[in-house]
Amino acid sequence: VRWWREQGCAVAQISDQGPGIPTDKLAAIFEPFTQLDSSTTREHGGAGLGLTITQRIVQALGGEVWVESEVGSGARFFVRLPLAAPHQLAPLPVPAAAPLPQEAKVLLVHGDADWRRLTATRLAAEGWSVSPVATGAEALASLEQQPVDLILAALELSDMHGLDFVQQVRRGAATFDTHVLVVSDADASDTALDYGAEGCVPADPQARLDGCSRRRGNP
């Protein structure tokens, strides 16, 4: 393969050491579905479209393609394309900066301080922005100030039942569609769904971490 500049054009030459092309076939090889050997026992496959497609692409770019060959001496294919002057080149589009990923927010509502601490640590390591509170009243006040993507609420809270808390979340204009999961070791999934939660998850912090990962859309 060689290339060079020539009168405002770039010229590329691709040579091979094949059997060569008969002179009377030089123009025909650019015709669609043309093979020099069209027999059913030919050595090389293909549909006979490669050179046709190449020629049309080159011509669409304002260039030309041709071949020089003799039987027994291989073939030399040439492509000539015009070179644009720097002032003729269109400026490359500058891609818009990708928006920074928004950190997902989770509100932990649980009376056990150790559970809040351990779960908050694990979720923060997963990339969540964590807000831990101890009571339902604190959680509702927090939600008025800052909406979240997910709420993990204990089934039993010191100031109200966890399911009553879920209902109040569902009645809020800004929180009615917030994802809510009830944290409980008891099998309360059906009841939680009836009250508007999206499920019931075990209190084990590691199991909770897996559930939150799925909420964020991770596999």
Foldseek 3Di string as FASTA:
>chain_A
DDWDDDPQKIKDKDWDQDQKDDPVCFVVLLDFQDDPDPDPPDPDDDRSHPNVVVQVVLVVQVKGKGKDIDGRGTIMIMIIGGHDDPVPDDDDDDDDDDDDDDAAEEEEEAQDPVLLVVLCVLVVVVRHHYHYDHALVVVVVVCVVPPGQEYEHEQDGPPDGRLVSQLVQCPDPSRVPHAYEYEDPDQCFVVSVVSPHPGYWYSPSVRVNVVVCVSVVDD
